[in-house]
Amino acid sequence: MRVYDFSNYKEYVDYRIVNMPQKGHGQYRKMAAHLNVSSVQISHVFRGNRDLTDEQALEVAGFFNLNSDEIEYFLTLVHKERSGTVRLKNHYQQKLKKMKDEALATKNRVEKDLELSGAAQAIYYSNWYYGAIRLCFMIPSLNTIPKVAEYLGLPLELVEETVQFLTHVNLVKKIKTDQYVATHQRLYLDKTSPLVSRHHSNWRLKAIENFVGSKDDSEMFYTSPVVVSKDVAREIRSKFVDIIEDIMRRTQAPPDEALHCLNIDWFRVKR
C-alpha cells in the first residue's frame, strides 16, 4: 500500500513500520534519531494525541524515502490532522482527494516517449499486429521480416506492409539490408482517445485466442467477479498501478526473449 491509500498519517507510518523486517522492531527509535528528537516525543505522536510539526513531517517522509509528490501528500495529511476547524479540515480533505486522484491516474505514472499523429494512431491501433511487429524488433533474434512473420504466424506480405508503415512513422528503422530495430520502448494511448476501446479490444481478443488450449506455465488467465467496498476497490486499483509501474521498469532494457502482453481489467459492473 502507498501513502495515497491512507487518510491518516499515523496509520500510514504504523503500516510502514509493521511491514519492515522483524515487524519494525526498533524502527521508531531509529526514526527518533533521524528526527533528532527523543523516543518519548515520537511515542507521544504515534501512541498519543500529539502531531508532527511541518519540519518533523518532512523528516519522516525522508525516513521512508517518499518522492516529491508523496511528500506533498504526507504533509497534507499532517496538516489535516492539525486543523483547528471543521472548515479547514474539509479543505485539506478535498485537497487530499484531488492529489490522490492525480496520483492514481495511470498516465501520470507510466512514462511515454513518443506521440504519434492522429492519422498514424488510427492505423497503428487498428489491429494488434502493428504493435506486435514493432515489439518483435526489440528481440535480437527477431530482426528480420521473415523471422517476425514466422514468429507471429502472419503472412509475409502483411508484415512487409506493416513494417513500411512503422518505418515511415519512425517506430522502426532499418539497420542493415534486411534487418530492423524498434526505435522506441513504449507508446501511451490516453484513456480519452476515441481509439482506446479498439486498442483494448484488439489485445483482449488476442488473449482469448491464446487462452484456448494454453499450457504455458509463464502465462496466466484469471477472471474473478467480486463484491467489495468503494475504499477496497480504490486500494486494489492503486495496487494494479503499482504493478504496472514495476513491470514497465523491468521491461525497459532489451534484449528480451519473447513477446508478452499484459491485460488488466478492474471495473465496476453496471447495467
Foldseek 3Di string as FASTA:
>chain_A
DALLLDLALLVVLQVVLCPDPVRNVCVLVVLCVQLVHHSVVSCCDNVHLDADDLSSLLSVCVVVPHDPLSSVLSSLSRVLSPDPDPVSNVVSVVVSVVSSVCVLFLVNQDDADDDFDPVLVCVCLQADVLVVLLVQLLAVVRFFLVSSCVVVVHDSVVSVVSVVSCVVRQQKDAPDPGTIHGDTQDHDDDPVDPSPVSNLVNVVVVVVVCVVPDPDPVDDDDDDDDDDDPSVLSVVSSVVSVVVSVVSVVRPDDDDDDDDDDDDDRDDDDD
